[in-house]
Protein backbone atom coordinates (compact mmCIF):
# COMPACT_ATOMS: atom_id res chain seq x y z
CA MET A 1 3.53 2.71 13.13
CA ILE A 2 0.10 4.92 13.67
CA ARG A 3 -3.25 2.98 14.36
CA PRO A 4 -6.33 5.16 14.33
CA SER A 5 -8.53 2.28 16.03
CA LEU A 6 -7.69 -1.18 17.17
CA VAL A 7 -10.92 -2.92 16.71
CA GLY A 8 -9.93 -6.48 15.78
CA PRO A 9 -11.60 -9.55 15.07
CA ALA A 10 -12.83 -11.95 17.98
CA SER A 11 -10.02 -14.35 16.55
CA CYS A 12 -7.47 -11.92 17.96
CA LEU A 13 -8.83 -12.95 21.73
CA ALA A 14 -6.60 -16.04 22.19
CA LEU A 15 -3.32 -13.84 21.47
CA LEU A 16 -4.49 -11.21 23.98
CA LEU A 17 -4.55 -13.73 26.62
CA SER A 18 -1.48 -15.63 26.05
CA PRO A 19 0.43 -15.98 29.11
CA SER A 20 3.48 -16.70 26.91
CA CYS A 21 6.29 -14.33 27.27
CA ARG A 22 6.93 -14.79 23.41
CA GLY A 23 3.95 -13.54 22.94
CA LEU A 24 2.37 -13.89 19.14
CA GLU A 25 5.66 -15.99 18.11
CA SER A 26 4.11 -18.84 20.95
CA GLU A 27 0.29 -18.80 19.62
CA LEU A 28 1.45 -19.29 16.11
CA GLU A 29 3.35 -22.35 17.10
CA PRO A 30 0.62 -25.03 16.60
CA LEU A 31 -0.58 -23.15 13.24
CA LEU A 32 3.12 -22.97 11.75
CA GLN A 33 3.71 -26.68 12.88
CA ALA A 34 0.06 -27.73 10.99
CA THR A 35 0.92 -25.65 7.98
CA ASN A 36 4.16 -26.72 7.09
CA ALA A 37 3.97 -30.37 8.33
CA GLN A 38 4.20 -31.72 4.73
CA GLU A 39 6.98 -29.42 4.00
CA GLY A 40 9.36 -30.34 6.38
CA VAL A 41 12.17 -28.01 6.21
CA GLN A 42 10.15 -24.90 5.89
CA ASP A 43 9.12 -24.59 9.60
CA PHE A 44 10.36 -21.42 10.36
CA HIS A 45 7.76 -19.24 8.47
CA VAL A 46 3.69 -19.29 9.22
CA GLY A 47 2.23 -18.89 5.93
CA PRO A 48 2.87 -20.57 2.18
CA PRO A 49 5.69 -22.41 1.68
CA VAL A 50 8.35 -21.29 -0.67
CA GLU A 51 10.23 -22.90 -3.61
CA VAL A 52 13.83 -22.55 -2.12
CA ALA A 53 16.50 -21.56 -5.35
CA ALA A 54 19.34 -19.44 -6.18
CA SER A 55 17.00 -17.26 -7.82
CA GLY A 56 15.44 -13.94 -6.89
CA PRO A 57 16.10 -12.46 -3.50
CA ALA A 58 18.36 -15.12 -3.12
CA ARG A 59 20.86 -13.47 -5.66
CA PHE A 60 21.30 -10.56 -3.00
CA VAL A 61 20.73 -11.83 0.29
CA LYS A 62 24.32 -13.22 1.13
CA THR A 63 26.12 -10.21 -0.49
CA LEU A 64 23.68 -7.66 2.00
CA HIS A 65 23.99 -9.98 5.16
CA ALA A 66 27.74 -9.91 5.04
CA GLY A 67 27.58 -6.38 4.34
CA PHE A 68 25.08 -5.10 7.22
CA GLU A 69 26.69 -4.32 10.20
CA PRO A 70 24.70 -4.55 13.35
CA GLY A 71 26.48 -2.74 15.57
CA ARG A 72 26.72 0.05 13.37
CA ALA A 73 23.10 0.08 12.68
CA GLN A 74 22.39 -0.12 16.84
CA GLU A 75 24.79 2.89 17.16
CA LEU A 76 22.62 5.02 14.39
CA ALA A 77 19.63 3.69 16.18
CA ALA A 78 21.06 4.74 19.56
CA PHE A 79 21.43 8.23 18.07
CA ILE A 80 17.96 8.58 16.93
CA ASP A 81 16.47 7.08 20.40
CA ARG A 82 17.94 10.06 22.22
CA TYR A 83 15.23 12.39 20.62
CA TYR A 84 11.78 12.82 21.03
CA ARG A 85 10.83 13.03 17.34
CA ALA A 86 7.46 14.44 16.04
CA PRO A 87 7.12 16.37 12.99
CA ALA A 88 9.65 19.16 12.22
CA ASN A 89 10.81 19.27 15.65
CA ASP A 90 14.38 19.68 17.14
CA GLY A 91 14.68 15.81 17.22
CA TYR A 92 13.38 14.97 13.87
CA GLU A 93 15.49 17.57 12.30
CA ALA A 94 18.37 16.25 14.24
CA VAL A 95 18.04 12.68 12.85
CA LEU A 96 17.47 14.14 9.17
CA GLU A 97 20.61 15.97 9.47
CA LYS A 98 22.75 12.80 10.78
CA LEU A 99 20.87 10.57 8.17
CA GLU A 100 22.14 13.05 5.56
CA THR A 101 25.67 13.13 6.98
CA GLU A 102 25.92 9.61 6.68
CA LEU A 103 24.49 9.18 3.21
CA ARG A 104 26.96 11.89 2.02
CA ALA A 105 29.85 10.09 3.35
CA LEU A 106 28.62 7.08 1.04
CA GLY A 107 28.58 9.38 -2.16
CA PHE A 108 25.33 10.18 -2.32
CA GLY A 109 25.10 14.27 -3.42
CA THR A 110 28.46 14.08 -5.13
CA ASP A 111 28.36 10.73 -7.10
CA ALA A 112 25.74 11.20 -10.24
CA ARG A 113 24.18 7.76 -9.72
CA LEU A 114 23.62 8.68 -6.13
CA VAL A 115 21.07 11.52 -5.71
CA LEU A 116 20.15 13.24 -2.51
CA ASP A 117 17.57 15.62 -2.18
CA PHE A 118 15.09 17.11 0.37
CA LEU A 119 11.36 16.98 -0.19
CA GLU A 120 9.43 20.12 1.56
CA VAL A 121 5.86 20.67 1.74
CA GLU A 122 3.70 23.12 3.86
CA GLU A 123 4.89 24.61 7.09
CA VAL A 124 3.70 22.57 10.51
CA ALA A 125 3.57 23.20 14.15
CA ALA A 126 6.83 21.78 14.94
CA TRP A 127 6.25 20.93 19.08
CA THR A 128 9.42 20.08 21.08
CA PRO A 129 9.09 19.14 24.49
CA LEU A 130 11.83 20.84 26.79
CA SER A 131 10.88 19.61 30.20
CA GLY A 132 7.91 18.34 32.09
CA SER A 133 7.02 17.45 36.01
CA ILE A 134 4.22 15.44 38.07
CA VAL A 135 4.46 16.20 41.55
CA LEU A 136 1.78 14.63 43.95
CA GLU A 137 1.09 17.03 47.17
CA VAL A 138 -0.87 15.78 50.04
CA ASP A 139 -1.20 17.60 53.20
CA GLY A 140 0.76 16.78 55.68
CA GLU A 141 3.32 14.62 53.73
CA ALA A 142 6.20 15.46 51.61
CA PRO A 143 5.64 15.97 47.79
CA ARG A 144 6.54 12.99 45.94
CA THR A 145 7.68 13.48 42.17
CA LEU A 146 5.74 10.97 40.17
CA HIS A 147 7.10 11.87 36.72
CA ALA A 148 9.68 14.37 35.33
CA PHE A 149 12.22 14.96 32.55
CA SER A 150 14.29 17.83 31.64
CA LYS A 151 15.97 16.29 28.81
CA GLY A 152 14.75 15.04 25.82
CA ASP A 153 16.46 11.33 26.00
CA GLU A 154 14.82 10.98 29.40
CA VAL A 155 12.19 7.89 30.16
CA ASP A 156 9.59 10.37 31.49
CA ARG A 157 9.75 12.12 28.10
CA VAL A 158 6.38 10.68 26.76
CA ILE A 159 4.33 12.06 29.97
CA LEU A 160 3.62 14.96 27.47
CA PRO A 161 1.32 13.98 24.34
CA VAL A 162 2.72 15.52 20.73
CA ASN A 163 0.98 19.02 20.99
CA ALA A 164 0.75 19.42 24.50
CA PRO A 165 0.62 23.06 25.78
CA ALA A 166 2.71 24.44 28.43
CA CYS A 167 1.54 24.54 31.57
CA ALA A 168 2.12 25.44 34.98
CA LEU A 169 -0.90 25.02 37.70
CA ALA A 170 -1.67 23.10 40.39
CA GLY A 171 -5.48 21.29 41.70
CA GLU A 172 -7.35 18.88 43.49
CA ILE A 173 -7.81 15.47 42.11
CA ALA A 174 -10.83 14.22 40.57
CA LEU A 175 -10.68 10.11 39.93
CA GLY A 176 -13.69 10.34 37.75
CA LEU A 177 -15.98 12.67 35.70
CA ASP A 178 -18.73 13.05 38.33
CA GLY A 179 -15.87 14.11 40.50
CA ILE A 180 -14.51 17.09 38.34
CA LYS A 181 -14.83 20.83 40.15
CA GLN A 182 -13.86 23.64 38.64
CA GLY A 183 -9.65 23.66 38.11
CA SER A 184 -9.69 20.06 39.31
CA ILE A 185 -7.31 17.58 37.39
CA LEU A 186 -9.06 14.72 36.49
CA VAL A 187 -6.88 11.35 36.80
CA THR A 188 -7.98 8.45 34.38
CA ASP A 189 -7.28 5.31 32.54
CA VAL A 190 -9.25 5.76 29.38
CA ASP A 191 -7.58 7.41 26.37
CA VAL A 192 -8.00 11.18 26.60
CA ASP A 193 -9.95 11.56 23.23
CA GLN A 194 -12.92 9.56 25.01
CA VAL A 195 -12.97 12.07 28.21
CA MET A 196 -11.64 15.59 26.80
CA THR A 197 -14.64 17.21 26.02
CA ARG A 198 -16.52 16.18 29.07
CA ALA A 199 -13.51 17.05 31.20
CA LYS A 200 -13.48 20.78 29.83
CA SER A 201 -17.12 21.21 29.82
CA ARG A 202 -17.31 20.08 33.84
CA GLY A 203 -14.30 23.04 34.18
CA ALA A 204 -11.24 20.57 34.66
CA ALA A 205 -7.77 22.47 34.45
CA ALA A 206 -6.12 19.36 32.87
CA ILE A 207 -6.46 15.24 32.52
CA LEU A 208 -3.50 12.83 33.30
CA SER A 209 -4.39 9.37 31.65
CA ALA A 210 -2.94 5.97 32.63
CA SER A 211 -4.19 4.63 29.08
CA LEU A 212 -2.76 1.13 27.78
CA TYR A 213 -3.58 -0.83 24.68
CA PRO A 214 -4.60 -4.54 25.92
CA PHE A 215 -1.49 -6.09 23.92
CA ASN A 216 0.64 -3.52 26.22
CA VAL A 217 0.22 -6.06 29.03
CA ASP A 218 3.47 -8.06 29.55
CA LYS A 219 2.57 -11.32 29.21
CA SER A 220 5.75 -12.90 31.07
CA GLY A 221 4.32 -12.15 34.39
CA LYS A 222 6.34 -9.50 35.42
CA ASP A 223 4.28 -6.57 35.28
CA ARG A 224 6.81 -4.46 33.30
CA HIS A 225 3.72 -2.69 31.72
CA LEU A 226 2.64 -1.22 35.17
CA ALA A 227 5.74 1.48 34.72
CA ALA A 228 4.86 1.87 31.05
CA ILE A 229 3.69 5.73 29.89
CA GLN A 230 1.99 5.46 26.76
CA PHE A 231 2.89 7.82 24.06
CA THR A 232 0.13 9.65 22.29
CA THR A 233 -0.34 12.77 20.07
CA LEU A 234 -3.02 15.63 20.58
CA PRO A 235 -4.55 17.86 17.72
CA PRO A 236 -2.30 20.66 16.96
CA GLY A 237 -3.15 23.83 18.91
CA SER A 238 -4.64 21.90 21.69
CA GLU A 239 -5.10 23.84 24.84
CA LEU A 240 -6.13 21.57 27.83
CA PRO A 241 -2.91 20.63 29.12
CA VAL A 242 -2.95 16.23 28.98
CA PHE A 243 -0.34 14.14 30.70
CA GLN A 244 0.45 10.70 30.32
CA ILE A 245 1.30 8.55 33.57
CA SER A 246 1.56 4.88 34.53
CA ALA A 247 -0.45 2.68 36.09
CA ARG A 248 1.65 2.63 38.86
CA SER A 249 1.57 6.53 39.41
CA LYS A 250 -2.19 6.16 39.22
CA GLU A 251 -2.30 3.61 41.95
CA ALA A 252 -0.21 6.08 44.06
CA ILE A 253 -2.40 8.82 43.05
CA GLU A 254 -5.70 6.86 44.37
CA ALA A 255 -3.63 6.00 47.71
CA ALA A 256 -2.94 9.45 48.40
CA VAL A 257 -6.66 10.73 47.85
CA GLU A 258 -7.78 7.82 49.90
CA ARG A 259 -5.23 8.71 52.68
CA ALA A 260 -6.07 12.37 52.40
CA THR A 261 -9.95 11.91 52.49
CA LYS A 262 -9.52 9.86 55.90
CA ARG A 263 -7.63 12.66 57.43
CA GLY A 264 -10.10 15.31 56.16
CA ALA A 265 -7.11 16.78 54.22
CA LEU A 266 -6.49 17.76 50.66
CA ALA A 267 -4.55 15.60 48.09
CA ARG A 268 -3.24 17.92 45.07
CA LEU A 269 -1.06 17.41 41.84
CA ALA A 270 1.14 20.29 40.88
CA LEU A 271 1.92 20.11 36.89
CA ARG A 272 4.56 21.97 35.39
CA SER A 273 5.50 21.50 31.30
CA GLU A 274 7.75 23.62 28.91
CA VAL A 275 7.41 23.25 25.09
CA ARG A 276 8.67 25.22 22.20
CA VAL A 277 6.27 25.77 19.25
CA GLU A 278 8.14 26.96 15.84
CA ARG A 279 6.47 27.07 12.44
CA ARG A 280 8.90 24.92 10.22
CA PRO A 281 8.65 23.28 6.66
CA LEU A 282 7.84 19.27 6.94
CA ARG A 283 11.06 17.45 5.31
CA THR A 284 11.49 14.24 3.62
CA LEU A 285 15.07 13.52 2.90
CA MET A 286 15.18 11.51 -0.48
CA ALA A 287 18.34 8.99 -1.54
CA MET A 288 18.25 7.63 -4.94
CA VAL A 289 20.30 4.90 -6.21
CA GLU A 290 19.70 5.62 -10.19
CA GLY A 291 19.07 2.67 -12.18
CA ALA A 292 21.20 1.43 -15.02
CA THR A 293 18.72 0.59 -17.89
CA ARG A 294 15.39 1.49 -16.64
CA PRO A 295 16.04 4.76 -14.40
CA GLN A 296 12.55 6.41 -14.75
CA GLU A 297 11.00 3.35 -12.88
CA ALA A 298 11.26 3.24 -9.03
CA VAL A 299 11.31 0.80 -6.29
CA THR A 300 10.59 2.70 -3.16
CA MET A 301 11.51 1.95 0.53
CA VAL A 302 10.29 4.16 3.07
CA SER A 303 10.78 4.82 6.53
CA HIS A 304 9.28 7.00 8.96
CA VAL A 305 11.37 9.26 11.41
CA GLN A 306 8.70 10.67 13.92
CA GLU A 307 7.71 9.19 17.03
CA PRO A 308 9.87 8.33 19.85
CA GLY A 309 10.40 4.67 20.23
CA ALA A 310 13.62 2.70 19.55
CA CYS A 311 11.98 -0.33 17.69
CA ASP A 312 8.88 2.08 16.60
CA ASN A 313 10.91 3.42 14.75
CA ALA A 314 14.75 4.02 15.26
CA SER A 315 15.10 0.29 14.45
CA GLY A 316 13.29 0.89 10.91
CA VAL A 317 15.16 4.31 10.26
CA ALA A 318 18.61 2.56 11.12
CA GLY A 319 18.07 -0.93 9.51
CA LEU A 320 17.12 0.86 6.18
CA LEU A 321 19.98 3.17 6.08
CA GLU A 322 22.66 0.25 7.20
CA GLY A 323 21.09 -1.44 4.30
CA VAL A 324 21.72 1.48 1.82
CA ARG A 325 25.21 1.47 3.24
CA ALA A 326 25.56 -2.72 2.56
CA LEU A 327 24.06 -1.97 -0.98
CA VAL A 328 26.28 0.77 -1.94
CA GLY A 329 29.41 -1.13 -0.86
CA ALA A 330 28.73 -4.15 -3.00
CA LEU A 331 27.85 -2.23 -5.74
CA ARG A 332 31.26 -0.42 -5.70
CA ALA A 333 32.87 -4.04 -4.99
CA LYS A 334 31.23 -4.80 -7.62
CA ASP A 335 29.76 -7.62 -5.73
CA LEU A 336 26.60 -6.73 -7.01
CA ALA A 337 25.92 -5.70 -10.55
CA TRP A 338 23.95 -1.89 -10.75
CA PRO A 339 20.07 -2.38 -10.20
CA ASP A 340 18.36 -1.66 -13.56
CA ARG A 341 15.30 0.21 -11.84
CA SER A 342 16.07 3.05 -9.45
CA LEU A 343 15.91 2.55 -5.98
CA VAL A 344 14.51 5.13 -3.98
CA PHE A 345 14.89 5.36 0.12
CA LEU A 346 12.73 8.02 2.13
CA TRP A 347 12.72 9.04 5.77
CA GLY A 348 10.37 11.59 6.92
CA ASP A 349 7.15 11.88 8.56
CA GLU A 350 4.77 8.82 8.56
CA PHE A 351 2.44 8.64 5.51
CA SER A 352 3.05 12.40 4.29
CA GLN A 353 6.50 11.08 3.38
CA SER A 354 5.00 9.07 1.18
CA SER A 355 2.33 11.06 -0.30
CA SER A 356 4.63 14.10 -0.76
CA TRP A 357 7.01 11.85 -2.73
CA LEU A 358 4.50 10.31 -4.80
CA ASP A 359 2.72 13.98 -5.74
CA ALA A 360 6.25 15.26 -6.60
CA THR A 361 8.21 12.44 -8.39
CA ASP A 362 8.35 12.39 -12.16
CA LEU A 363 9.39 8.80 -12.25
CA THR A 364 6.83 5.72 -12.14
CA PRO A 365 6.65 4.01 -9.03
CA VAL A 366 6.87 0.23 -9.47
CA VAL A 367 6.48 -0.68 -6.03
CA GLY A 368 6.37 0.68 -2.17
CA ILE A 369 8.20 -1.15 0.93
CA SER A 370 7.31 -0.03 4.52
CA SER A 371 10.51 -0.19 7.06
CA ASP A 372 9.03 -0.01 10.17
CA MET A 373 9.31 -1.49 13.68
CA THR A 374 11.88 -3.68 12.39
CA GLY A 375 14.42 -4.70 15.42
CA GLN A 376 12.51 -5.91 18.18
CA ALA A 377 14.23 -8.23 20.46
CA GLU A 378 12.37 -11.63 21.86
CA SER A 379 11.90 -10.45 24.95
CA THR A 380 9.25 -7.93 23.47
CA GLY A 381 7.36 -10.93 22.49
CA ALA A 382 7.23 -9.88 19.12
CA ILE A 383 7.81 -11.76 16.11
CA ALA A 384 9.16 -10.75 12.49
CA LEU A 385 5.71 -10.26 10.20
CA LEU A 386 5.22 -9.63 6.78
CA GLU A 387 1.97 -7.53 6.06
CA ARG A 388 0.75 -8.22 2.26
CA ASN A 389 -1.20 -5.96 0.24
CA TYR A 390 -4.76 -6.23 -0.59
CA ASP A 391 -5.92 -9.56 -1.68
CA PRO A 392 -8.69 -12.07 -0.77
CA GLY A 393 -6.94 -13.26 2.50
CA ALA A 394 -8.32 -9.79 3.97
CA LEU A 395 -11.61 -10.56 3.04
CA LYS A 396 -11.72 -13.87 4.69
CA VAL A 397 -9.49 -15.12 7.09
CA TYR A 398 -8.33 -18.87 6.66
CA GLY A 399 -5.27 -20.23 7.22
CA PRO A 400 -2.34 -20.13 7.39
CA ASP A 401 -3.72 -16.51 7.83
CA PHE A 402 -4.17 -15.01 10.94
CA HIS A 403 -4.96 -11.36 11.97
CA THR A 404 -2.58 -9.82 15.02
CA PRO A 405 -4.31 -8.14 17.60
CA TRP A 406 -3.46 -5.00 15.54
CA GLY A 407 -6.48 -5.95 14.01
CA ALA A 408 -8.11 -6.41 10.26
CA GLY A 409 -8.50 -3.39 8.31
CA GLN A 410 -11.66 -2.82 5.88
CA VAL A 411 -10.71 -3.79 2.38
CA ALA A 412 -13.64 -3.64 -0.33
CA PRO A 413 -13.51 -6.40 -2.87
CA GLU A 414 -13.13 -3.95 -5.82
CA ALA A 415 -10.06 -2.61 -4.68
CA ILE A 416 -8.21 -5.86 -4.75
CA PHE A 417 -5.62 -5.64 -7.66
CA PRO A 418 -3.36 -8.86 -7.99
CA ASN A 419 0.20 -8.62 -7.94
CA GLY A 420 3.00 -10.46 -6.94
CA LEU A 421 4.96 -8.26 -4.48
CA ALA A 422 4.27 -10.55 -1.46
CA VAL A 423 5.55 -13.29 -3.24
CA LEU A 424 8.77 -11.76 -3.86
CA ALA A 425 8.70 -10.70 0.26
CA ARG A 426 8.05 -14.00 1.37
CA CYS A 427 11.17 -15.63 -0.85
CA ALA A 428 13.52 -13.57 0.67
CA MET A 429 12.42 -13.79 4.52
CA ALA A 430 12.83 -17.32 3.65
CA ASP A 431 16.38 -16.95 2.21
CA VAL A 432 17.22 -14.99 5.44
CA ALA A 433 16.01 -17.60 7.18
CA LEU A 434 17.58 -20.46 5.54
CA LEU A 435 21.35 -18.55 5.39
CA GLU A 436 20.93 -18.39 9.24
CA GLY A 437 20.21 -22.25 9.58
CA GLY A 438 16.60 -21.81 9.68
CA THR A 439 16.45 -20.35 13.02
CA TRP A 440 14.68 -16.93 11.98
CA ARG A 441 11.01 -17.42 13.13
CA THR A 442 8.85 -15.35 10.84
CA ALA A 443 4.78 -15.11 9.74
CA GLU A 444 2.81 -13.33 7.62
CA HIS A 445 -0.90 -11.82 7.52
CA PRO A 446 -3.27 -10.24 5.29
CA TRP A 447 -3.55 -6.29 5.24
CA GLU A 448 -4.24 -4.49 8.68
CA GLY A 449 -2.70 -0.72 7.72
CA GLY A 450 -1.23 1.44 9.70
CA SER A 451 2.00 2.73 7.68
CA ASP A 452 3.32 4.00 4.62
CA HIS A 453 2.41 1.20 2.46
CA ASP A 454 -1.21 2.18 3.00
CA ILE A 455 -0.71 4.91 0.98
CA PHE A 456 1.48 3.32 -1.67
CA ILE A 457 -1.48 0.44 -2.01
CA ARG A 458 -4.47 3.45 -2.04
CA ARG A 459 -2.56 4.77 -5.35
CA GLY A 460 -2.70 1.29 -7.22
CA ILE A 461 0.70 0.35 -6.44
CA PRO A 462 1.82 -3.00 -5.09
CA ALA A 463 3.21 -2.47 -1.34
CA VAL A 464 4.12 -4.20 1.59
CA LEU A 465 5.31 -3.86 5.11
CA PHE A 466 8.00 -5.35 7.08
CA TRP A 467 7.40 -5.04 10.54
CA HIS A 468 6.93 -6.71 14.37
CA PHE A 469 4.49 -7.46 16.66
CA THR A 470 2.84 -8.04 18.89
CA ASP A 471 5.27 -5.61 21.02
CA PHE A 472 4.13 -4.99 24.80
CA THR A 473 6.58 -1.86 24.81
CA TYR A 474 4.78 -0.35 21.74
CA HIS A 475 3.86 3.10 21.88
CA THR A 476 5.20 3.33 25.66
CA SER A 477 7.91 4.52 27.16
CA LEU A 478 9.38 1.20 27.30
CA ASP A 479 10.41 1.07 23.70
CA ARG A 480 13.86 1.95 24.11
CA MET A 481 17.50 0.35 23.49
CA GLY A 482 17.04 -2.37 25.84
CA PHE A 483 14.32 -4.03 23.62
CA LEU A 484 16.15 -3.67 20.63
CA ASP A 485 17.93 -6.72 18.80
CA PRO A 486 20.87 -5.35 15.92
CA GLU A 487 20.51 -9.02 14.54
CA GLU A 488 17.20 -8.90 14.23
CA MET A 489 17.63 -5.47 12.54
CA ARG A 490 20.04 -7.30 10.16
CA ARG A 491 17.79 -10.22 9.60
CA THR A 492 14.79 -7.93 8.38
CA GLY A 493 16.66 -5.64 7.03
CA VAL A 494 18.05 -7.75 4.49
CA ALA A 495 14.93 -9.33 3.40
CA LEU A 496 13.61 -6.02 3.13
CA LEU A 497 16.59 -4.58 0.40
CA ALA A 498 16.49 -8.09 -1.00
CA THR A 499 12.87 -7.63 -2.09
CA GLY A 500 13.57 -4.21 -3.35
CA LEU A 501 16.40 -5.45 -5.45
CA ALA A 502 14.35 -8.26 -6.54
CA VAL A 503 11.76 -6.29 -8.42
CA ALA A 504 14.60 -3.31 -9.48
CA SER A 505 16.73 -6.14 -10.93
CA ALA A 506 14.25 -8.67 -11.83
CA ALA A 507 15.36 -11.33 -14.28
CA PRO A 508 13.88 -14.07 -16.57
CA GLY A 509 15.65 -16.53 -14.41
CA ASP A 510 13.83 -15.75 -11.43
CA LEU A 511 10.57 -16.55 -13.05
CA GLU A 512 10.42 -20.24 -12.28
CA ARG A 513 10.79 -19.56 -8.78
CA TYR A 514 8.02 -17.52 -8.38
CA LEU A 515 5.65 -19.32 -10.06
CA LEU A 516 6.51 -22.31 -8.42
CA THR A 517 6.01 -20.38 -5.04
CA LEU A 518 2.72 -18.91 -6.25
CA ASP A 519 1.69 -22.11 -7.37
CA ARG A 520 2.32 -23.72 -3.53
CA GLU A 521 0.37 -20.60 -2.31
CA ILE A 522 -2.84 -21.20 -4.57
CA VAL A 523 -2.94 -24.74 -4.23
CA GLN A 524 -2.89 -24.30 -0.38
CA ARG A 525 -5.55 -21.61 -0.51
CA LEU A 526 -7.94 -23.41 -2.72
CA GLU A 527 -7.76 -26.63 -1.05
CA ILE A 528 -8.60 -24.60 2.58
CA ALA A 529 -11.40 -22.65 1.08
CA ARG A 530 -12.84 -25.54 -0.38
CA GLU A 531 -12.66 -27.66 2.63
CA ARG A 532 -14.57 -24.86 4.16
CA GLY A 533 -17.40 -25.04 1.31
CA ASP A 534 -16.28 -21.36 0.09
CA GLU A 535 -16.44 -21.53 -3.39
CA GLU A 536 -16.79 -17.87 -3.17
CA GLN A 537 -13.53 -17.46 -2.14
CA ALA A 538 -11.95 -20.22 -3.99
CA ALA A 539 -12.98 -18.31 -7.20
CA ARG A 540 -11.22 -15.11 -5.58
CA TRP A 541 -8.07 -16.82 -5.03
CA GLU A 542 -8.05 -18.40 -8.55
CA ASP A 543 -8.84 -14.71 -9.91
CA TRP A 544 -6.05 -13.72 -8.10
CA SER A 545 -3.49 -16.54 -9.09
CA ARG A 546 -4.24 -15.79 -12.54
CA GLY A 547 -3.30 -11.93 -12.27
CA THR A 548 -0.38 -12.50 -10.04
CA ARG A 549 0.83 -14.87 -12.33
CA GLU A 550 0.48 -12.46 -15.26
CA TRP A 551 2.15 -9.59 -13.11
CA ILE A 552 5.19 -12.08 -11.99
CA ILE A 553 5.62 -12.76 -15.67
CA ASN A 554 5.64 -9.27 -16.70
CA LEU A 555 8.12 -8.10 -14.17
CA CYS A 556 10.63 -10.85 -14.57
CA ARG A 557 10.53 -10.63 -18.85
CA GLY A 558 10.87 -6.54 -18.20
CA GLU A 559 7.26 -5.82 -19.24
CA ALA A 560 6.00 -4.69 -16.08
CA GLN A 561 3.82 -1.48 -16.12
CA PRO A 562 1.97 0.31 -13.41
CA LEU A 563 -1.28 -0.84 -12.17
CA PRO A 564 -4.51 1.48 -12.78
CA LEU A 565 -5.46 3.65 -9.52
CA VAL A 566 -7.71 1.68 -7.33
CA PRO A 567 -10.89 3.18 -5.33
CA GLN A 568 -10.34 4.24 -1.91
CA PRO A 569 -10.92 1.63 0.54
CA LYS A 570 -14.38 2.42 2.51
């Protein structure tokens, strides 16, 4: 998952300062209890309550849950996690080929109703890291290797940002911009993009950064973040060598400079990196279950391959594939009826995979669903989240809504269009939680942005994101298999696919449940807005309710039509 900036509202401060190892979940506990106090049984979800019934997503949840094999999903995630995946690079291609093999084994590409294809867009510079090392050298002391890797599956692989150039150099250490001399190496704890221009202009030969996001701090008190190396990306064609290091390595460098200065000696860094850059087509793998009665209408589920983490996003990729496997098995066994609308599954490069499919398809997209960061273990501090499409909650945040430390996105009021996809997804999460005895803790929040759902929303197509946050391992070297929970992959994957099926095979019998769930939400929204004296926000939710009600009625009666394009958010 990619976020270009992480400036959030002041209300995030309490979440960032939480001392609890359970992170966001523990901070939401009081809100959860207050929100659901009148509902009694629905104390597993922070958000509006749902109408519990056997209709809607519940028609699919039990069968998908039984067919989803967590161990198999974990094995695939472990395969994916072996690779440092950048767009079109060796690891990216290896994962696509693995997914293709798995899908062909299920009958995709041979069964006429199971379509398999690759979409290609323009060629890109496919960057593959081969090796790298950072060695600290102090006169009179033995050299000390701070970080090194020679294989793609090693923890220190992310010392090289995507698109970093190859290098073999050594230089004196500068601990700040003012200390840079020609040929020295800047060591800092700020983001590289904040200092690169000035460092280059002052003659720096390379930059080492120990930057982390505020939410990367390990709130358990174990200080695990001090060993974390942040995963970053440079612009293609970058020429200045850049390495990422851990906070502990930065402390070691600072201590070495202090020791050397006291003795009148020198402290240097020796940097080596080997990369391969090739021009390759950027491919997206597409699998489709062709709809039985409305094959020209598509429910699209998307998971990005690039980025080197286990949770972000080996979990989303593997969870979606295992969901497809469970679905195909249920269809062949006739435990589930063939979906009315087509189900499209995409695996590729975040954002571009959705754009390229939307640009190329002759199908009518009905909704988009993003599978991103779906398997975080409780030890990361993350909780399962549903991010809704644009709605009035994105303009003003009143309980039970909240924003995560990811931060609020900018939404123009005229870009909001009513639809009921979030209502269906909320029901699906509740159905999974109830199947597991109400033990699955989940939450939802207004749109924040940062994954493929954005592409669909900006084209006027309802979309939601299934994800987890706050994860202290996010975009760091710590995001490996030890922090991935296969049972969480199943819970999230089943909720996601059940949402897709609830749209693909919407039926008149689902209507009552959805409308009652919507009624519960709007009563709550209006009460809270009016308690605050905010009639403008209450009016927005009333308008939203009317449009959403119409969308749900049309969907369940088989009359859903694509919505018009909406303006790009400012």
